[in-house]
C-alpha atoms as a PDB file:
ATOM      1  CA  ASN A   1     -17.305 150.894  64.340  1.00  0.00           C
ATOM      2  CA  ILE A   2     -17.483 147.752  66.597  1.00  0.00           C
ATOM      3  CA  ASN A   3     -15.169 148.956  69.300  1.00  0.00           C
ATOM      4  CA  LYS A   4     -16.623 149.831  72.602  1.00  0.00           C
ATOM      5  CA  ILE A   5     -13.186 150.949  74.142  1.00  0.00           C
ATOM      6  CA  GLY A   6     -12.359 153.451  71.619  1.00  0.00           C
ATOM      7  CA  PHE A   7     -13.110 154.031  67.836  1.00  0.00           C
ATOM      8  CA  GLU A   8     -11.143 152.275  65.236  1.00  0.00           C
ATOM      9  CA  ASN A   9     -10.561 154.443  61.907  1.00  0.00           C
ATOM     10  CA  ASP A  10     -12.321 153.177  58.876  1.00  0.00           C
ATOM     11  CA  TRP A  11     -10.202 151.623  56.064  1.00  0.00           C
ATOM     12  CA  SER A  12      -9.723 154.112  53.126  1.00  0.00           C
ATOM     13  CA  ASN A  13     -11.241 151.346  50.944  1.00  0.00           C
ATOM     14  CA  PRO A  14     -13.917 149.682  52.858  1.00  0.00           C
ATOM     15  CA  ILE A  15     -13.495 146.271  51.091  1.00  0.00           C
ATOM     16  CA  ASN A  16      -9.689 146.293  51.498  1.00  0.00           C
ATOM     17  CA  PRO A  17      -8.314 145.663  55.165  1.00  0.00           C
ATOM     18  CA  THR A  18      -4.796 146.639  54.195  1.00  0.00           C
ATOM     19  CA  THR A  19      -5.821 150.229  53.702  1.00  0.00           C
ATOM     20  CA  GLY A  20      -6.260 150.893  57.508  1.00  0.00           C
ATOM     21  CA  ASN A  21      -4.013 153.303  59.182  1.00  0.00           C
ATOM     22  CA  GLN A  22      -2.026 150.327  60.814  1.00  0.00           C
ATOM     23  CA  THR A  23      -2.880 151.705  64.301  1.00  0.00           C
ATOM     24  CA  ASP A  24      -4.734 150.367  67.144  1.00  0.00           C
ATOM     25  CA  ASP A  25      -7.023 153.339  67.418  1.00  0.00           C
ATOM     26  CA  GLY A  26      -9.504 151.420  69.760  1.00  0.00           C
ATOM     27  CA  PHE A  27      -6.871 150.574  72.205  1.00  0.00           C
ATOM     28  CA  ASN A  28      -8.003 146.808  72.284  1.00  0.00           C
ATOM     29  CA  SER A  29      -4.761 145.319  70.896  1.00  0.00           C
ATOM     30  CA  TYR A  30      -6.238 144.561  67.577  1.00  0.00           C
ATOM     31  CA  VAL A  31      -5.058 146.746  64.648  1.00  0.00           C
ATOM     32  CA  ASP A  32      -7.627 148.211  62.227  1.00  0.00           C
ATOM     33  CA  ASP A  33     -10.507 145.808  63.455  1.00  0.00           C
ATOM     34  CA  TRP A  34     -13.495 148.091  62.646  1.00  0.00           C
ATOM     35  CA  LYS A  35     -15.013 145.225  60.721  1.00  0.00           C
ATOM     36  CA  GLY A  36     -14.241 142.462  63.133  1.00  0.00           C
ATOM     37  CA  TRP A  37     -11.260 139.990  63.450  1.00  0.00           C
ATOM     38  CA  ASP A  38     -10.176 136.769  61.965  1.00  0.00           C
ATOM     39  CA  PHE A  39      -8.457 134.742  64.705  1.00  0.00           C
ATOM     40  CA  THR A  40      -6.858 132.369  62.157  1.00  0.00           C
ATOM     41  CA  GLY A  41      -4.261 133.160  59.717  1.00  0.00           C
ATOM     42  CA  PRO A  42      -3.354 131.667  56.469  1.00  0.00           C
ATOM     43  CA  GLY A  43      -3.102 127.877  56.745  1.00  0.00           C
ATOM     44  CA  GLY A  44      -4.675 127.927  60.055  1.00  0.00           C
ATOM     45  CA  ALA A  45      -1.791 129.806  61.882  1.00  0.00           C
ATOM     46  CA  LEU A  46      -2.761 131.362  65.127  1.00  0.00           C
ATOM     47  CA  THR A  47      -1.573 134.787  63.770  1.00  0.00           C
ATOM     48  CA  GLY A  48      -4.842 136.329  62.875  1.00  0.00           C
ATOM     49  CA  ASP A  49      -5.732 139.599  61.008  1.00  0.00           C
ATOM     50  CA  ASN A  50      -8.560 142.167  60.259  1.00  0.00           C
ATOM     51  CA  ASP A  51      -9.567 140.355  57.107  1.00  0.00           C
ATOM     52  CA  VAL A  52     -12.681 138.375  57.966  1.00  0.00           C
ATOM     53  CA  ALA A  53     -13.637 137.619  54.388  1.00  0.00           C
ATOM     54  CA  SER A  54     -12.552 134.137  54.523  1.00  0.00           C
ATOM     55  CA  SER A  55     -15.509 133.030  56.766  1.00  0.00           C
ATOM     56  CA  GLN A  56     -17.879 131.584  54.060  1.00  0.00           C
ATOM     57  CA  HIS A  57     -20.280 129.917  56.173  1.00  0.00           C
ATOM     58  CA  GLY A  58     -20.470 132.645  58.883  1.00  0.00           C
ATOM     59  CA  THR A  59     -20.914 135.248  56.163  1.00  0.00           C
ATOM     60  CA  MET A  60     -24.050 133.389  54.797  1.00  0.00           C
ATOM     61  CA  VAL A  61     -25.453 133.010  58.373  1.00  0.00           C
ATOM     62  CA  ALA A  62     -24.953 136.754  59.119  1.00  0.00           C
ATOM     63  CA  GLY A  63     -26.542 137.664  55.693  1.00  0.00           C
ATOM     64  CA  ILE A  64     -29.588 135.680  56.480  1.00  0.00           C
ATOM     65  CA  ILE A  65     -29.941 137.286  59.989  1.00  0.00           C
ATOM     66  CA  ALA A  66     -29.318 140.860  58.972  1.00  0.00           C
ATOM     67  CA  ALA A  67     -30.593 141.233  55.256  1.00  0.00           C
ATOM     68  CA  LYS A  68     -32.359 144.556  55.135  1.00  0.00           C
ATOM     69  CA  THR A  69     -36.147 144.085  55.174  1.00  0.00           C
ATOM     70  CA  TYR A  70     -38.344 145.655  52.467  1.00  0.00           C
ATOM     71  CA  ASN A  71     -35.309 146.555  50.256  1.00  0.00           C
ATOM     72  CA  SER A  72     -36.910 145.082  47.065  1.00  0.00           C
ATOM     73  CA  ILE A  73     -33.977 142.649  46.732  1.00  0.00           C
ATOM     74  CA  GLY A  74     -35.707 139.496  47.554  1.00  0.00           C
ATOM     75  CA  ILE A  75     -34.593 138.524  50.892  1.00  0.00           C
ATOM     76  CA  SER A  76     -35.477 139.662  54.394  1.00  0.00           C
ATOM     77  CA  GLY A  77     -33.435 138.812  57.510  1.00  0.00           C
ATOM     78  CA  ILE A  78     -35.164 138.185  60.854  1.00  0.00           C
ATOM     79  CA  ALA A  79     -32.909 141.140  62.267  1.00  0.00           C
ATOM     80  CA  GLY A  80     -32.651 143.286  59.194  1.00  0.00           C
ATOM     81  CA  GLY A  81     -34.476 146.416  60.324  1.00  0.00           C
ATOM     82  CA  TRP A  82     -37.785 147.603  59.111  1.00  0.00           C
ATOM     83  CA  GLN A  83     -37.851 150.063  56.216  1.00  0.00           C
ATOM     84  CA  ASN A  84     -35.712 152.935  57.488  1.00  0.00           C
ATOM     85  CA  GLN A  85     -35.056 151.440  60.782  1.00  0.00           C
ATOM     86  CA  PRO A  86     -31.635 150.039  61.577  1.00  0.00           C
ATOM     87  CA  GLY A  87     -31.304 146.372  61.746  1.00  0.00           C
ATOM     88  CA  ALA A  88     -28.692 144.131  63.528  1.00  0.00           C
ATOM     89  CA  GLN A  89     -25.189 145.328  63.372  1.00  0.00           C
ATOM     90  CA  ILE A  90     -22.732 142.426  62.670  1.00  0.00           C
ATOM     91  CA  MET A  91     -19.407 141.856  64.071  1.00  0.00           C
ATOM     92  CA  PRO A  92     -17.677 139.258  61.864  1.00  0.00           C
ATOM     93  CA  ILE A  93     -15.363 137.103  63.850  1.00  0.00           C
ATOM     94  CA  ASN A  94     -13.811 134.092  62.229  1.00  0.00           C
ATOM     95  CA  VAL A  95     -12.387 131.117  64.066  1.00  0.00           C
ATOM     96  CA  ASP A  96     -12.350 128.758  60.831  1.00  0.00           C
ATOM     97  CA  ALA A  97      -8.985 127.631  59.905  1.00  0.00           C
ATOM     98  CA  ALA A  98      -7.944 126.219  56.471  1.00  0.00           C
ATOM     99  CA  GLY A  99     -10.036 123.266  55.483  1.00  0.00           C
ATOM    100  CA  GLY A 100     -12.965 124.075  57.913  1.00  0.00           C
ATOM    101  CA  TYR A 101     -11.122 122.905  60.977  1.00  0.00           C
ATOM    102  CA  ILE A 102     -12.130 125.016  64.129  1.00  0.00           C
ATOM    103  CA  LEU A 103      -9.235 125.513  66.292  1.00  0.00           C
ATOM    104  CA  GLY A 104     -10.578 125.407  69.896  1.00  0.00           C
ATOM    105  CA  SER A 105      -7.491 127.354  71.150  1.00  0.00           C
ATOM    106  CA  VAL A 106      -8.738 130.545  69.615  1.00  0.00           C
ATOM    107  CA  VAL A 107     -12.515 130.065  70.116  1.00  0.00           C
ATOM    108  CA  ASP A 108     -12.121 131.287  73.621  1.00  0.00           C
ATOM    109  CA  ASN A 109     -10.170 134.541  72.485  1.00  0.00           C
ATOM    110  CA  ALA A 110     -13.000 135.027  69.944  1.00  0.00           C
ATOM    111  CA  ILE A 111     -15.788 134.897  72.503  1.00  0.00           C
ATOM    112  CA  ASP A 112     -13.830 137.226  74.723  1.00  0.00           C
ATOM    113  CA  TYR A 113     -13.251 139.764  71.965  1.00  0.00           C
ATOM    114  CA  ALA A 114     -17.006 139.852  71.032  1.00  0.00           C
ATOM    115  CA  ARG A 115     -17.881 140.381  74.755  1.00  0.00           C
ATOM    116  CA  HIS A 116     -15.256 143.200  75.240  1.00  0.00           C
ATOM    117  CA  ASN A 117     -16.378 144.897  71.998  1.00  0.00           C
ATOM    118  CA  GLY A 118     -20.078 145.251  72.594  1.00  0.00           C
ATOM    119  CA  ALA A 119     -21.735 141.971  71.095  1.00  0.00           C
ATOM    120  CA  LYS A 120     -25.153 141.229  72.314  1.00  0.00           C
ATOM    121  CA  VAL A 121     -25.481 137.820  70.643  1.00  0.00           C
ATOM    122  CA  ILE A 122     -22.831 135.387  69.689  1.00  0.00           C
ATOM    123  CA  ASN A 123     -23.618 132.756  66.937  1.00  0.00           C
ATOM    124  CA  MET A 124     -21.368 129.788  66.729  1.00  0.00           C
ATOM    125  CA  SER A 125     -22.018 127.684  63.725  1.00  0.00           C
ATOM    126  CA  PHE A 126     -19.624 125.055  64.526  1.00  0.00           C
ATOM    127  CA  GLY A 127     -19.313 122.114  66.898  1.00  0.00           C
ATOM    128  CA  GLY A 128     -17.189 119.118  67.873  1.00  0.00           C
ATOM    129  CA  ILE A 129     -14.343 120.872  69.658  1.00  0.00           C
ATOM    130  CA  TYR A 130     -11.707 118.494  71.222  1.00  0.00           C
ATOM    131  CA  ALA A 131     -12.247 117.869  74.863  1.00  0.00           C
ATOM    132  CA  ALA A 132      -8.810 119.265  75.780  1.00  0.00           C
ATOM    133  CA  ASP A 133      -9.966 122.800  74.401  1.00  0.00           C
ATOM    134  CA  GLN A 134     -13.236 122.836  76.157  1.00  0.00           C
ATOM    135  CA  LEU A 135     -12.367 124.196  79.551  1.00  0.00           C
ATOM    136  CA  ASP A 136     -10.989 127.525  78.380  1.00  0.00           C
ATOM    137  CA  ILE A 137     -13.943 127.904  76.142  1.00  0.00           C
ATOM    138  CA  GLN A 138     -16.594 126.991  78.741  1.00  0.00           C
ATOM    139  CA  ASN A 139     -14.921 129.712  80.910  1.00  0.00           C
ATOM    140  CA  SER A 140     -15.395 132.290  78.131  1.00  0.00           C
ATOM    141  CA  LEU A 141     -18.912 131.077  77.662  1.00  0.00           C
ATOM    142  CA  ARG A 142     -19.555 131.665  81.351  1.00  0.00           C
ATOM    143  CA  LEU A 143     -18.243 135.122  81.416  1.00  0.00           C
ATOM    144  CA  ALA A 144     -20.315 135.980  78.232  1.00  0.00           C
ATOM    145  CA  HIS A 145     -23.411 134.595  79.657  1.00  0.00           C
ATOM    146  CA  GLU A 146     -22.873 136.470  82.963  1.00  0.00           C
ATOM    147  CA  ALA A 147     -22.235 139.571  81.047  1.00  0.00           C
ATOM    148  CA  GLY A 148     -25.890 139.150  79.475  1.00  0.00           C
ATOM    149  CA  LEU A 149     -24.829 137.965  75.942  1.00  0.00           C
ATOM    150  CA  ILE A 150     -27.170 135.421  74.277  1.00  0.00           C
ATOM    151  CA  LEU A 151     -25.092 132.465  73.005  1.00  0.00           C
ATOM    152  CA  VAL A 152     -26.238 130.107  70.264  1.00  0.00           C
ATOM    153  CA  ALA A 153     -24.490 127.147  68.729  1.00  0.00           C
ATOM    154  CA  ALA A 154     -25.002 124.678  66.192  1.00  0.00           C
ATOM    155  CA  SER A 155     -25.956 121.249  67.890  1.00  0.00           C
ATOM    156  CA  GLY A 156     -23.794 119.274  65.331  1.00  0.00           C
ATOM    157  CA  ASN A 157     -26.583 116.724  64.675  1.00  0.00           C
ATOM    158  CA  HIS A 158     -25.860 116.759  60.876  1.00  0.00           C
ATOM    159  CA  GLN A 159     -22.363 115.379  61.400  1.00  0.00           C
ATOM    160  CA  VAL A 160     -23.271 111.935  62.686  1.00  0.00           C
ATOM    161  CA  PRO A 161     -26.604 110.703  60.835  1.00  0.00           C
ATOM    162  CA  ASN A 162     -26.859 107.547  62.921  1.00  0.00           C
ATOM    163  CA  ASP A 163     -26.460 109.265  66.380  1.00  0.00           C
ATOM    164  CA  LEU A 164     -28.653 112.436  66.169  1.00  0.00           C
ATOM    165  CA  HIS A 165     -29.237 112.505  69.867  1.00  0.00           C
ATOM    166  CA  ILE A 166     -25.776 113.754  70.462  1.00  0.00           C
ATOM    167  CA  VAL A 167     -25.438 117.506  71.161  1.00  0.00           C
ATOM    168  CA  ARG A 168     -21.878 118.522  70.361  1.00  0.00           C
ATOM    169  CA  PHE A 169     -19.827 121.299  72.426  1.00  0.00           C
ATOM    170  CA  PRO A 170     -20.235 124.272  72.505  1.00  0.00           C
ATOM    171  CA  ALA A 171     -24.112 123.609  71.991  1.00  0.00           C
ATOM    172  CA  ASN A 172     -24.231 121.302  74.970  1.00  0.00           C
ATOM    173  CA  SER A 173     -22.887 123.929  77.334  1.00  0.00           C
ATOM    174  CA  LYS A 174     -25.501 125.162  80.012  1.00  0.00           C
ATOM    175  CA  TYR A 175     -24.823 128.646  78.727  1.00  0.00           C
ATOM    176  CA  VAL A 176     -25.680 128.166  75.207  1.00  0.00           C
ATOM    177  CA  ILE A 177     -28.802 127.825  73.159  1.00  0.00           C
ATOM    178  CA  ALA A 178     -28.457 124.649  70.876  1.00  0.00           C
ATOM    179  CA  VAL A 179     -29.891 124.846  67.328  1.00  0.00           C
ATOM    180  CA  GLY A 180     -30.394 121.856  65.197  1.00  0.00           C
ATOM    181  CA  GLU A 181     -31.760 120.839  61.801  1.00  0.00           C
ATOM    182  CA  THR A 182     -34.678 118.704  61.203  1.00  0.00           C
ATOM    183  CA  PHE A 183     -35.470 116.610  58.186  1.00  0.00           C
END
């Protein structure tokens, strides 16, 4: 369970979000969100639902971070826990709309959701938010930073090969640790 306010009931089938009890047991305005929240609906609509399975890149990043250590499967994450010790708990939150377009108008809601629901670290593997959307996101980043969260974002340096010195928003925010690739 990820909800700090109350406890959301598990789905009867843990891989099928439609098997929840259709009640906001956690009293946070998100129904059956015990596995996180998808802030974008089908086709990029701003409806959202509790099915975070559409976040392919985010799922890969979370898997690399939290893969169990010494489990004989072949991968160990940096925060996967050691033998019988628990590792990182992942709160999947999706802001990736259809076609890989990030809707800046939902990023601030996602950051606030993570902050209100007990996140300690927020990883934002995206960049290039339109300037018009940055003010609300910057305010959410500030509030998360003031609450003690560690904020990490992709610098976006792979997007423009001839202009690698540009760090894209939100990685260029003073509240965020920018992460980039080298080659």
